C-alpha atoms as a PDB file:
ATOM      1  CA  MET A   1       0.000   0.000   0.000  1.00  0.00           C
ATOM      2  CA  ALA A   2       1.287   3.456  -0.928  1.00  0.00           C
ATOM      3  CA  PRO A   3       2.011   5.791   2.025  1.00  0.00           C
ATOM      4  CA  ARG A   4      -0.619   8.269   0.867  1.00  0.00           C
ATOM      5  CA  ASP A   5      -3.256   5.498   0.740  1.00  0.00           C
ATOM      6  CA  PHE A   6      -2.518   4.643   4.390  1.00  0.00           C
ATOM      7  CA  LEU A   7      -2.563   8.244   5.627  1.00  0.00           C
ATOM      8  CA  ARG A   8      -5.842   9.190   3.943  1.00  0.00           C
ATOM      9  CA  PRO A   9      -8.196   7.144   6.283  1.00  0.00           C
ATOM     10  CA  LEU A  10      -6.052   8.078   9.289  1.00  0.00           C
ATOM     11  CA  GLY A  11      -6.591  11.715   8.472  1.00  0.00           C
ATOM     12  CA  VAL A  12     -10.353  11.214   8.249  1.00  0.00           C
ATOM     13  CA  PHE A  13     -10.382   9.521  11.681  1.00  0.00           C
ATOM     14  CA  VAL A  14      -8.405  12.339  13.283  1.00  0.00           C
ATOM     15  CA  ALA A  15     -10.743  14.904  11.756  1.00  0.00           C
ATOM     16  CA  VAL A  16     -13.784  13.143  13.214  1.00  0.00           C
ATOM     17  CA  ILE A  17     -12.196  13.097  16.686  1.00  0.00           C
ATOM     18  CA  LEU A  18     -11.473  16.818  16.475  1.00  0.00           C
ATOM     19  CA  VAL A  19     -15.078  17.587  15.496  1.00  0.00           C
ATOM     20  CA  VAL A  20     -16.435  15.570  18.458  1.00  0.00           C
ATOM     21  CA  VAL A  21     -14.080  17.253  20.921  1.00  0.00           C
ATOM     22  CA  ALA A  22     -14.920  20.694  19.580  1.00  0.00           C
ATOM     23  CA  GLY A  23     -18.672  19.993  19.778  1.00  0.00           C
ATOM     24  CA  THR A  24     -18.354  18.880  23.405  1.00  0.00           C
ATOM     25  CA  ALA A  25     -16.486  22.039  24.331  1.00  0.00           C
ATOM     26  CA  VAL A  26     -19.105  24.241  22.650  1.00  0.00           C
ATOM     27  CA  ALA A  27     -21.931  22.381  24.463  1.00  0.00           C
ATOM     28  CA  GLY A  28     -20.116  22.839  27.755  1.00  0.00           C
ATOM     29  CA  LEU A  29     -19.877  26.560  27.225  1.00  0.00           C
ATOM     30  CA  ALA A  30     -23.498  26.815  26.174  1.00  0.00           C
ATOM     31  CA  PHE A  31     -24.982  24.861  29.113  1.00  0.00           C
ATOM     32  CA  GLY A  32     -22.475  25.669  31.838  1.00  0.00           C
ATOM     33  CA  SER A  33     -21.608  21.994  32.570  1.00  0.00           C
ATOM     34  CA  ALA A  34     -17.837  22.388  32.122  1.00  0.00           C
ATOM     35  CA  GLY A  35     -17.005  24.304  35.276  1.00  0.00           C
ATOM     36  CA  GLY A  36     -19.324  27.259  34.631  1.00  0.00           C
ATOM     37  CA  ASP A  37     -21.893  28.807  36.957  1.00  0.00           C
ATOM     38  CA  GLY A  38     -24.849  26.677  35.798  1.00  0.00           C
ATOM     39  CA  ALA A  39     -26.907  24.431  38.119  1.00  0.00           C
ATOM     40  CA  PRO A  40     -25.821  20.806  38.659  1.00  0.00           C
ATOM     41  CA  ASP A  41     -27.199  18.188  36.292  1.00  0.00           C
ATOM     42  CA  GLY A  42     -30.921  17.686  36.572  1.00  0.00           C
ATOM     43  CA  GLU A  43     -31.875  20.658  38.751  1.00  0.00           C
ATOM     44  CA  ASP A  44     -32.867  23.028  35.956  1.00  0.00           C
ATOM     45  CA  ILE A  45     -34.297  20.479  33.531  1.00  0.00           C
ATOM     46  CA  ASP A  46     -38.071  20.674  33.424  1.00  0.00           C
ATOM     47  CA  GLY A  47     -39.747  17.367  34.191  1.00  0.00           C
ATOM     48  CA  GLN A  48     -36.745  15.826  35.940  1.00  0.00           C
ATOM     49  CA  ALA A  49     -35.609  15.676  39.567  1.00  0.00           C
ATOM     50  CA  PRO A  50     -38.565  17.266  41.385  1.00  0.00           C
ATOM     51  CA  ALA A  51     -37.707  19.199  44.511  1.00  0.00           C
ATOM     52  CA  GLN A  52     -38.515  16.336  46.885  1.00  0.00           C
ATOM     53  CA  TYR A  53     -35.888  14.185  45.151  1.00  0.00           C
ATOM     54  CA  GLN A  54     -33.065  16.718  45.278  1.00  0.00           C
ATOM     55  CA  PRO A  55     -30.132  15.445  47.364  1.00  0.00           C
ATOM     56  CA  ASP A  56     -30.708  17.965  50.157  1.00  0.00           C
ATOM     57  CA  ASN A  57     -34.353  16.940  50.486  1.00  0.00           C
ATOM     58  CA  VAL A  58     -34.201  13.150  50.182  1.00  0.00           C
ATOM     59  CA  ALA A  59     -33.151  12.393  53.776  1.00  0.00           C
ATOM     60  CA  HIS A  60     -36.142  12.647  56.113  1.00  0.00           C
ATOM     61  CA  GLU A  61     -35.295  13.911  59.583  1.00  0.00           C
ATOM     62  CA  ASP A  62     -36.163  11.497  62.379  1.00  0.00           C
ATOM     63  CA  ASP A  63     -37.596  12.679  65.669  1.00  0.00           C
ATOM     64  CA  PRO A  64     -34.818  13.308  68.190  1.00  0.00           C
ATOM     65  CA  GLU A  65     -34.793  10.475  70.711  1.00  0.00           C
ATOM     66  CA  ASN A  66     -34.069  12.315  73.918  1.00  0.00           C
ATOM     67  CA  GLY A  67     -35.837  13.548  76.995  1.00  0.00           C
ATOM     68  CA  THR A  68     -36.457  12.325  80.516  1.00  0.00           C
ATOM     69  CA  LEU A  69     -39.158  10.014  81.785  1.00  0.00           C
ATOM     70  CA  SER A  70     -40.245  11.646  85.012  1.00  0.00           C
ATOM     71  CA  VAL A  71     -43.102  11.113  87.442  1.00  0.00           C
ATOM     72  CA  ASP A  72     -44.795  13.678  89.653  1.00  0.00           C
ATOM     73  CA  GLY A  73     -44.654  12.014  93.061  1.00  0.00           C
ATOM     74  CA  GLY A  74     -48.071  13.295  94.090  1.00  0.00           C
ATOM     75  CA  GLY A  75     -47.466  12.897  97.828  1.00  0.00           C
ATOM     76  CA  ASP A  76     -48.084   9.474  99.370  1.00  0.00           C
ATOM     77  CA  ASP A  77     -46.272   6.378  98.172  1.00  0.00           C
ATOM     78  CA  LYS A  78     -48.549   4.192  96.065  1.00  0.00           C
ATOM     79  CA  HIS A  79     -48.676   0.506  95.120  1.00  0.00           C
ATOM     80  CA  VAL A  80     -49.010  -0.128  91.357  1.00  0.00           C
ATOM     81  CA  LEU A  81     -49.823  -3.423  89.629  1.00  0.00           C
ATOM     82  CA  VAL A  82     -48.703  -4.123  86.050  1.00  0.00           C
ATOM     83  CA  ASP A  83     -51.084  -6.701  84.582  1.00  0.00           C
ATOM     84  CA  THR A  84     -49.605  -9.984  83.304  1.00  0.00           C
ATOM     85  CA  ARG A  85     -52.701 -12.208  83.554  1.00  0.00           C
ATOM     86  CA  HIS A  86     -54.266 -11.535  80.145  1.00  0.00           C
ATOM     87  CA  SER A  87     -51.697 -12.834  77.639  1.00  0.00           C
ATOM     88  CA  ASN A  88     -50.200  -9.364  77.546  1.00  0.00           C
ATOM     89  CA  ARG A  89     -47.897  -8.763  74.598  1.00  0.00           C
ATOM     90  CA  PHE A  90     -45.018  -6.723  75.956  1.00  0.00           C
ATOM     91  CA  ASP A  91     -41.360  -7.298  76.656  1.00  0.00           C
ATOM     92  CA  GLY A  92     -40.319  -7.080  80.283  1.00  0.00           C
ATOM     93  CA  ALA A  93     -37.404  -4.870  79.242  1.00  0.00           C
ATOM     94  CA  ASP A  94     -39.879  -2.338  77.838  1.00  0.00           C
ATOM     95  CA  VAL A  95     -41.542  -1.755  81.207  1.00  0.00           C
ATOM     96  CA  ASP A  96     -38.240  -1.426  83.082  1.00  0.00           C
ATOM     97  CA  PRO A  97     -37.967   2.361  82.450  1.00  0.00           C
ATOM     98  CA  LEU A  98     -41.547   2.827  83.693  1.00  0.00           C
ATOM     99  CA  VAL A  99     -40.943   0.737  86.806  1.00  0.00           C
ATOM    100  CA  GLU A 100     -37.676   2.563  87.541  1.00  0.00           C
ATOM    101  CA  ALA A 101     -39.334   5.979  87.159  1.00  0.00           C
ATOM    102  CA  LEU A 102     -42.037   5.007  89.667  1.00  0.00           C
ATOM    103  CA  ILE A 103     -39.587   3.485  92.130  1.00  0.00           C
ATOM    104  CA  ARG A 104     -37.411   6.617  92.025  1.00  0.00           C
ATOM    105  CA  GLU A 105     -40.396   8.518  93.441  1.00  0.00           C
ATOM    106  CA  GLY A 106     -40.845   6.013  96.262  1.00  0.00           C
ATOM    107  CA  HIS A 107     -43.687   3.963  94.790  1.00  0.00           C
ATOM    108  CA  THR A 108     -43.923   0.161  94.825  1.00  0.00           C
ATOM    109  CA  VAL A 109     -44.514  -1.721  91.578  1.00  0.00           C
ATOM    110  CA  ASP A 110     -45.503  -5.357  91.066  1.00  0.00           C
ATOM    111  CA  VAL A 111     -45.175  -6.746  87.525  1.00  0.00           C
ATOM    112  CA  GLY A 112     -47.713  -9.515  88.013  1.00  0.00           C
ATOM    113  CA  THR A 113     -48.247 -11.106  91.400  1.00  0.00           C
ATOM    114  CA  GLU A 114     -47.055 -14.238  93.120  1.00  0.00           C
ATOM    115  CA  SER A 115     -50.481 -15.143  94.508  1.00  0.00           C
ATOM    116  CA  SER A 116     -52.270 -18.252  93.251  1.00  0.00           C
ATOM    117  CA  GLY A 117     -55.738 -19.718  93.389  1.00  0.00           C
ATOM    118  CA  GLY A 118     -58.931 -17.702  93.173  1.00  0.00           C
ATOM    119  CA  PHE A 119     -61.575 -17.687  90.423  1.00  0.00           C
ATOM    120  CA  GLU A 120     -61.030 -17.836  86.665  1.00  0.00           C
ATOM    121  CA  SER A 121     -57.297 -17.192  87.150  1.00  0.00           C
ATOM    122  CA  GLY A 122     -58.121 -13.481  87.300  1.00  0.00           C
ATOM    123  CA  TYR A 123     -58.265 -10.636  89.770  1.00  0.00           C
ATOM    124  CA  THR A 124     -60.521 -10.687  92.800  1.00  0.00           C
ATOM    125  CA  ASN A 125     -61.661  -7.642  94.738  1.00  0.00           C
ATOM    126  CA  ALA A 126     -59.376  -8.695  97.581  1.00  0.00           C
ATOM    127  CA  THR A 127     -56.428  -8.710  95.174  1.00  0.00           C
ATOM    128  CA  LEU A 128     -57.261  -5.216  93.954  1.00  0.00           C
ATOM    129  CA  GLN A 129     -57.585  -3.874  97.494  1.00  0.00           C
ATOM    130  CA  ARG A 130     -53.813  -4.208  97.859  1.00  0.00           C
ATOM    131  CA  TYR A 131     -53.177  -1.745  95.018  1.00  0.00           C
ATOM    132  CA  ASP A 132     -53.770   1.929  94.343  1.00  0.00           C
ATOM    133  CA  ALA A 133     -53.436   1.721  90.571  1.00  0.00           C
ATOM    134  CA  MET A 134     -53.182  -0.749  87.719  1.00  0.00           C
ATOM    135  CA  LEU A 135     -51.448  -0.586  84.314  1.00  0.00           C
ATOM    136  CA  VAL A 136     -52.615  -2.941  81.550  1.00  0.00           C
ATOM    137  CA  ILE A 137     -50.441  -3.215  78.420  1.00  0.00           C
ATOM    138  CA  ALA A 138     -51.543  -4.969  75.203  1.00  0.00           C
ATOM    139  CA  PRO A 139     -53.870  -7.630  76.628  1.00  0.00           C
ATOM    140  CA  THR A 140     -54.972 -10.377  74.234  1.00  0.00           C
ATOM    141  CA  GLY A 141     -56.925 -12.429  76.765  1.00  0.00           C
ATOM    142  CA  SER A 142     -60.397 -11.281  77.748  1.00  0.00           C
ATOM    143  CA  PHE A 143     -61.294  -9.937  81.176  1.00  0.00           C
ATOM    144  CA  SER A 144     -63.955 -11.944  82.951  1.00  0.00           C
ATOM    145  CA  GLU A 145     -67.231 -10.378  84.000  1.00  0.00           C
ATOM    146  CA  GLY A 146     -66.129 -10.595  87.627  1.00  0.00           C
ATOM    147  CA  GLU A 147     -62.850  -8.824  86.895  1.00  0.00           C
ATOM    148  CA  VAL A 148     -64.623  -6.042  85.009  1.00  0.00           C
ATOM    149  CA  ASP A 149     -67.063  -5.554  87.876  1.00  0.00           C
ATOM    150  CA  GLY A 150     -64.183  -5.478  90.373  1.00  0.00           C
ATOM    151  CA  LEU A 151     -62.199  -2.974  88.310  1.00  0.00           C
ATOM    152  CA  GLU A 152     -65.248  -0.734  87.928  1.00  0.00           C
ATOM    153  CA  GLY A 153     -65.588  -0.716  91.709  1.00  0.00           C
ATOM    154  CA  PHE A 154     -61.840  -0.091  91.934  1.00  0.00           C
ATOM    155  CA  THR A 155     -61.976   3.055  89.752  1.00  0.00           C
ATOM    156  CA  ASP A 156     -65.300   4.244  91.201  1.00  0.00           C
ATOM    157  CA  GLY A 157     -63.675   4.161  94.641  1.00  0.00           C
ATOM    158  CA  GLY A 158     -60.598   6.191  93.666  1.00  0.00           C
ATOM    159  CA  GLY A 159     -58.262   3.624  92.096  1.00  0.00           C
ATOM    160  CA  ARG A 160     -56.534   4.559  88.846  1.00  0.00           C
ATOM    161  CA  LEU A 161     -56.530   2.339  85.731  1.00  0.00           C
ATOM    162  CA  VAL A 162     -54.548   2.901  82.503  1.00  0.00           C
ATOM    163  CA  VAL A 163     -54.988   0.531  79.559  1.00  0.00           C
ATOM    164  CA  LEU A 164     -52.776   0.561  76.468  1.00  0.00           C
ATOM    165  CA  GLY A 165     -54.726  -1.437  73.907  1.00  0.00           C
ATOM    166  CA  GLU A 166     -54.160  -2.380  70.276  1.00  0.00           C
ATOM    167  CA  PRO A 167     -56.290  -2.723  67.165  1.00  0.00           C
ATOM    168  CA  ARG A 168     -57.068  -6.131  65.721  1.00  0.00           C
ATOM    169  CA  GLN A 169     -53.992  -8.115  64.709  1.00  0.00           C
ATOM    170  CA  PHE A 170     -53.782 -10.564  61.793  1.00  0.00           C
ATOM    171  CA  THR A 171     -51.849 -13.795  62.175  1.00  0.00           C
ATOM    172  CA  ALA A 172     -51.156 -16.107  59.245  1.00  0.00           C
ATOM    173  CA  GLY A 173     -51.644 -19.864  59.515  1.00  0.00           C
ATOM    174  CA  GLY A 174     -50.000 -22.688  57.625  1.00  0.00           C
ATOM    175  CA  GLY A 175     -51.365 -21.824  54.180  1.00  0.00           C
ATOM    176  CA  LEU A 176     -52.468 -18.832  52.153  1.00  0.00           C
ATOM    177  CA  SER A 177     -56.103 -19.391  53.071  1.00  0.00           C
ATOM    178  CA  SER A 178     -55.636 -20.396  56.710  1.00  0.00           C
ATOM    179  CA  GLY A 179     -54.965 -17.028  58.328  1.00  0.00           C
ATOM    180  CA  SER A 180     -56.941 -15.977  61.366  1.00  0.00           C
ATOM    181  CA  SER A 181     -57.829 -12.592  62.781  1.00  0.00           C
ATOM    182  CA  VAL A 182     -57.134 -12.015  66.475  1.00  0.00           C
ATOM    183  CA  ARG A 183     -58.582  -9.080  68.380  1.00  0.00           C
ATOM    184  CA  ALA A 184     -56.616  -7.660  71.268  1.00  0.00           C
ATOM    185  CA  SER A 185     -59.001  -7.954  74.181  1.00  0.00           C
ATOM    186  CA  ALA A 186     -58.746  -4.582  75.915  1.00  0.00           C
ATOM    187  CA  ASP A 187     -62.275  -4.048  74.594  1.00  0.00           C
ATOM    188  CA  SER A 188     -63.710  -6.537  77.077  1.00  0.00           C
ATOM    189  CA  LEU A 189     -62.642  -4.152  79.846  1.00  0.00           C
ATOM    190  CA  ALA A 190     -62.887  -0.779  78.074  1.00  0.00           C
ATOM    191  CA  ALA A 191     -66.533  -1.379  77.137  1.00  0.00           C
ATOM    192  CA  ALA A 192     -67.459  -0.800  80.777  1.00  0.00           C
ATOM    193  CA  TYR A 193     -66.150   2.763  80.350  1.00  0.00           C
ATOM    194  CA  GLY A 194     -67.907   3.446  77.032  1.00  0.00           C
ATOM    195  CA  LEU A 195     -64.910   2.850  74.740  1.00  0.00           C
ATOM    196  CA  ARG A 196     -63.524   0.302  72.312  1.00  0.00           C
ATOM    197  CA  VAL A 197     -60.759   0.124  69.700  1.00  0.00           C
ATOM    198  CA  GLY A 198     -61.664   0.371  66.012  1.00  0.00           C
ATOM    199  CA  SER A 199     -60.930  -2.575  63.739  1.00  0.00           C
ATOM    200  CA  GLU A 200     -58.193  -0.905  61.669  1.00  0.00           C
ATOM    201  CA  THR A 201     -54.829   0.718  62.199  1.00  0.00           C
ATOM    202  CA  LEU A 202     -54.140   4.265  60.991  1.00  0.00           C
ATOM    203  CA  TYR A 203     -51.729   5.758  58.478  1.00  0.00           C
ATOM    204  CA  ASN A 204     -50.729   9.152  57.089  1.00  0.00           C
ATOM    205  CA  LEU A 205     -48.714   9.781  53.908  1.00  0.00           C
ATOM    206  CA  ASP A 206     -47.800  13.381  54.730  1.00  0.00           C
ATOM    207  CA  ASP A 207     -44.095  13.560  55.671  1.00  0.00           C
ATOM    208  CA  ASP A 208     -44.915  16.132  58.347  1.00  0.00           C
ATOM    209  CA  ALA A 209     -47.551  13.852  59.829  1.00  0.00           C
ATOM    210  CA  ASN A 210     -45.496  10.688  60.328  1.00  0.00           C
ATOM    211  CA  ASP A 211     -42.141   9.636  61.731  1.00  0.00           C
ATOM    212  CA  ASN A 212     -40.362   8.434  58.583  1.00  0.00           C
ATOM    213  CA  ASN A 213     -42.993   5.719  58.124  1.00  0.00           C
ATOM    214  CA  TYR A 214     -46.556   6.241  56.932  1.00  0.00           C
ATOM    215  CA  GLU A 215     -47.829   3.919  59.686  1.00  0.00           C
ATOM    216  CA  SER A 216     -46.036   5.832  62.462  1.00  0.00           C
ATOM    217  CA  VAL A 217     -48.568   8.629  62.723  1.00  0.00           C
ATOM    218  CA  TYR A 218     -48.457  11.674  64.969  1.00  0.00           C
ATOM    219  CA  GLY A 219     -51.147  12.724  67.388  1.00  0.00           C
ATOM    220  CA  THR A 220     -51.725  16.123  68.949  1.00  0.00           C
ATOM    221  CA  ALA A 221     -52.901  16.770  72.493  1.00  0.00           C
ATOM    222  CA  THR A 222     -56.336  18.303  72.992  1.00  0.00           C
ATOM    223  CA  GLY A 223     -57.863  20.120  75.938  1.00  0.00           C
ATOM    224  CA  GLY A 224     -56.185  21.174  79.167  1.00  0.00           C
ATOM    225  CA  ASP A 225     -56.049  17.873  81.064  1.00  0.00           C
ATOM    226  CA  ALA A 226     -53.008  17.238  83.268  1.00  0.00           C
ATOM    227  CA  LEU A 227     -52.405  14.117  81.192  1.00  0.00           C
ATOM    228  CA  THR A 228     -51.455  16.304  78.225  1.00  0.00           C
ATOM    229  CA  ASP A 229     -49.415  18.859  80.162  1.00  0.00           C
ATOM    230  CA  GLY A 230     -46.230  19.634  78.207  1.00  0.00           C
ATOM    231  CA  VAL A 231     -47.302  17.352  75.364  1.00  0.00           C
ATOM    232  CA  GLU A 232     -47.588  18.775  71.864  1.00  0.00           C
ATOM    233  CA  ARG A 233     -47.016  15.750  69.651  1.00  0.00           C
ATOM    234  CA  VAL A 234     -47.169  12.008  70.376  1.00  0.00           C
ATOM    235  CA  GLN A 235     -45.824   9.421  67.955  1.00  0.00           C
ATOM    236  CA  PHE A 236     -47.829   6.197  67.606  1.00  0.00           C
ATOM    237  CA  ASP A 237     -46.044   3.342  65.844  1.00  0.00           C
ATOM    238  CA  THR A 238     -49.125   1.089  65.586  1.00  0.00           C
ATOM    239  CA  ALA A 239     -52.001   3.454  66.154  1.00  0.00           C
ATOM    240  CA  GLY A 240     -55.584   2.358  66.471  1.00  0.00           C
ATOM    241  CA  TYR A 241     -58.529   4.659  67.092  1.00  0.00           C
ATOM    242  CA  LEU A 242     -61.181   4.834  69.784  1.00  0.00           C
ATOM    243  CA  ILE A 243     -64.911   4.486  69.305  1.00  0.00           C
ATOM    244  CA  ARG A 244     -67.461   5.666  71.882  1.00  0.00           C
ATOM    245  CA  THR A 245     -70.142   3.201  72.873  1.00  0.00           C
ATOM    246  CA  GLY A 246     -73.479   4.027  74.437  1.00  0.00           C
ATOM    247  CA  ASP A 247     -73.634   7.295  76.373  1.00  0.00           C
ATOM    248  CA  SER A 248     -69.886   7.558  76.861  1.00  0.00           C
ATOM    249  CA  ASP A 249     -68.535  10.425  78.951  1.00  0.00           C
ATOM    250  CA  ALA A 250     -64.976   9.862  77.726  1.00  0.00           C
ATOM    251  CA  GLU A 251     -62.903  12.978  77.058  1.00  0.00           C
ATOM    252  CA  THR A 252     -60.415  13.057  74.174  1.00  0.00           C
ATOM    253  CA  LEU A 253     -56.763  13.409  75.200  1.00  0.00           C
ATOM    254  CA  VAL A 254     -54.845  12.850  71.951  1.00  0.00           C
ATOM    255  CA  GLN A 255     -56.151  12.912  68.391  1.00  0.00           C
ATOM    256  CA  ALA A 256     -54.372  11.793  65.211  1.00  0.00           C
ATOM    257  CA  VAL A 257     -53.238  14.702  63.009  1.00  0.00           C
ATOM    258  CA  ASP A 258     -55.186  15.877  59.958  1.00  0.00           C
ATOM    259  CA  GLY A 259     -55.053  13.657  56.896  1.00  0.00           C
ATOM    260  CA  THR A 260     -54.868  10.406  58.866  1.00  0.00           C
ATOM    261  CA  ARG A 261     -56.751   7.498  57.294  1.00  0.00           C
ATOM    262  CA  THR A 262     -57.792   3.968  58.181  1.00  0.00           C
ATOM    263  CA  ALA A 263     -55.483   1.306  56.782  1.00  0.00           C
ATOM    264  CA  ASP A 264     -58.011  -0.984  55.090  1.00  0.00           C
ATOM    265  CA  ARG A 265     -60.686   1.391  53.816  1.00  0.00           C
ATOM    266  CA  GLY A 266     -58.585   4.560  53.488  1.00  0.00           C
ATOM    267  CA  VAL A 267     -61.226   6.708  55.186  1.00  0.00           C
ATOM    268  CA  ALA A 268     -59.959  10.096  56.385  1.00  0.00           C
ATOM    269  CA  GLY A 269     -61.372  11.514  59.580  1.00  0.00           C
ATOM    270  CA  GLU A 270     -60.758  12.825  63.077  1.00  0.00           C
ATOM    271  CA  TYR A 271     -59.495   9.837  65.031  1.00  0.00           C
ATOM    272  CA  ASP A 272     -59.078   9.828  68.805  1.00  0.00           C
ATOM    273  CA  VAL A 273     -56.161   7.701  69.965  1.00  0.00           C
ATOM    274  CA  ALA A 274     -56.311   8.401  73.713  1.00  0.00           C
ATOM    275  CA  ALA A 275     -59.228   9.270  75.979  1.00  0.00           C
ATOM    276  CA  ARG A 276     -60.125   9.507  79.664  1.00  0.00           C
ATOM    277  CA  ASN A 277     -63.279   8.571  81.512  1.00  0.00           C
ATOM    278  CA  GLY A 278     -62.908   9.509  85.183  1.00  0.00           C
ATOM    279  CA  ASN A 279     -60.194   7.333  86.742  1.00  0.00           C
ATOM    280  CA  PHE A 280     -59.833   5.270  83.564  1.00  0.00           C
ATOM    281  CA  VAL A 281     -57.518   6.127  80.641  1.00  0.00           C
ATOM    282  CA  PHE A 282     -57.500   4.208  77.362  1.00  0.00           C
ATOM    283  CA  VAL A 283     -54.801   4.547  74.679  1.00  0.00           C
ATOM    284  CA  ALA A 284     -55.288   2.706  71.370  1.00  0.00           C
ATOM    285  CA  ASP A 285     -51.589   1.899  70.967  1.00  0.00           C
ATOM    286  CA  ALA A 286     -49.212   0.009  73.238  1.00  0.00           C
ATOM    287  CA  SER A 287     -46.036   0.673  71.232  1.00  0.00           C
ATOM    288  CA  LEU A 288     -45.333   4.095  72.751  1.00  0.00           C
ATOM    289  CA  VAL A 289     -43.853   2.459  75.880  1.00  0.00           C
ATOM    290  CA  GLU A 290     -41.405   0.317  73.881  1.00  0.00           C
ATOM    291  CA  ARG A 291     -37.781   1.342  74.294  1.00  0.00           C
ATOM    292  CA  SER A 292     -37.521   2.139  70.571  1.00  0.00           C
ATOM    293  CA  GLU A 293     -40.498   4.529  70.754  1.00  0.00           C
ATOM    294  CA  LEU A 294     -40.471   5.873  74.320  1.00  0.00           C
ATOM    295  CA  TYR A 295     -38.354   8.941  73.560  1.00  0.00           C
ATOM    296  CA  ASP A 296     -39.758   9.798  70.123  1.00  0.00           C
ATOM    297  CA  ALA A 297     -41.535  13.168  69.831  1.00  0.00           C
ATOM    298  CA  HIS A 298     -43.098  13.901  73.252  1.00  0.00           C
ATOM    299  CA  ASN A 299     -43.834  10.259  74.061  1.00  0.00           C
ATOM    300  CA  GLU A 300     -41.796  10.321  77.257  1.00  0.00           C
ATOM    301  CA  ARG A 301     -43.793  13.326  78.500  1.00  0.00           C
ATOM    302  CA  PHE A 302     -47.118  11.647  77.760  1.00  0.00           C
ATOM    303  CA  VAL A 303     -46.002   8.352  79.331  1.00  0.00           C
ATOM    304  CA  GLY A 304     -44.676  10.291  82.350  1.00  0.00           C
ATOM    305  CA  ASN A 305     -48.089  11.953  82.684  1.00  0.00           C
ATOM    306  CA  LEU A 306     -49.777   8.548  82.524  1.00  0.00           C
ATOM    307  CA  LEU A 307     -47.551   7.300  85.347  1.00  0.00           C
ATOM    308  CA  SER A 308     -48.236  10.462  87.365  1.00  0.00           C
ATOM    309  CA  PHE A 309     -51.957   9.874  86.828  1.00  0.00           C
ATOM    310  CA  LEU A 310     -51.616   6.332  88.193  1.00  0.00           C
ATOM    311  CA  VAL A 311     -50.094   7.499  91.473  1.00  0.00           C
ATOM    312  CA  SER A 312     -52.324  10.548  91.965  1.00  0.00           C
ATOM    313  CA  GLY A 313     -55.486   8.788  93.073  1.00  0.00           C
ATOM    314  CA  ASP A 314     -56.891   8.503  96.575  1.00  0.00           C
ATOM    315  CA  LYS A 315     -58.241   4.985  97.031  1.00  0.00           C
ATOM    316  CA  PRO A 316     -59.184   3.667 100.494  1.00  0.00           C
ATOM    317  CA  ASP A 317     -57.861   0.238 101.476  1.00  0.00           C
ATOM    318  CA  ASP A 318     -61.311  -1.372 101.403  1.00  0.00           C
ATOM    319  CA  VAL A 319     -61.916  -0.540  97.708  1.00  0.00           C
ATOM    320  CA  PRO A 320     -63.250  -2.450  95.873  1.00  0.00           C
ATOM    321  CA  PRO A 321     -65.461  -4.011  98.558  1.00  0.00           C
ATOM    322  CA  THR A 322     -65.384  -7.785  99.059  1.00  0.00           C
ATOM    323  CA  THR A 323     -68.762  -9.505  99.197  1.00  0.00           C
ATOM    324  CA  THR A 324     -68.119 -13.244  98.800  1.00  0.00           C
ATOM    325  CA  PRO A 325     -65.801 -15.800 100.413  1.00  0.00           C
ATOM    326  CA  GLU A 326     -64.021 -16.214  97.072  1.00  0.00           C
ATOM    327  CA  GLU A 327     -63.299 -12.491  96.942  1.00  0.00           C
ATOM    328  CA  ASP A 328     -62.265 -12.419 100.616  1.00  0.00           C
ATOM    329  CA  SER A 329     -59.642 -15.107  99.980  1.00  0.00           C
ATOM    330  CA  GLY A 330     -57.934 -12.923  97.358  1.00  0.00           C
ATOM    331  CA  GLY A 331     -55.374 -14.147  94.884  1.00  0.00           C
ATOM    332  CA  PHE A 332     -55.632 -15.417  91.349  1.00  0.00           C
END
């Protein structure tokens, strides 16, 4: 091959490379992507990279997990019972901070009781006479009629009762069609106070209305009750909602924020998550006392107020009254 025949295609190739390089340089000058003052790629292109996907806006800020769980002593030392007789779904480690906060103020706390015997393996009036207050967390076993009657007499006579319930839970069986629905049984007790938990959990898609998870919805305190003192926002990880039954006198304490919907039907509304009826308080979520949730938002303030409520009653030792030999014997 003659030298000029070899150089001719090489010259064409070099010319093409020069044209490509020159075009790239011109484009860089025109659009500011070669070290100019233009915006980074994607920010100024219509239809791409909406504001919520910009790097500075992608990371959602979690609630700071800090604060102190404190209890207002309220004067006299009280005796508090934490229920363990109704297949309660909570980890013992989760109640440790609550127990420690009460003990620091001089109160006595029993997580369950060592007594045995009695009727229906439940509480008798004689058992309840030993306590000033009772905390029930996530019960899945029903309360007997006798227990409900005894606890009504307990609260009517000055005892304090706080129940942290849950909405219905779904458990899967061995096959796709063998699942079963299980209702947490706080309703069997709460019905005596004109309340029950709705059948669905809640959710909210607004970033300002949840804690980095659409199911972890926020609630805001309502009214001027001491139970909401210092509480602006409560974070519920598995929130249910309360329904009034009959002529309920229950007063709303915390309500889910605007835009909250039910999980199955997607119905938006005003959903109460915590309410009080006299010496009884019902919260439709038990997760707020878990260690992972206790210091989110103002949870520790609300839980501290619940504990202060428990030890602020004035129950005589003979409440609830015993009327039968079985009740007189006490125990479980």
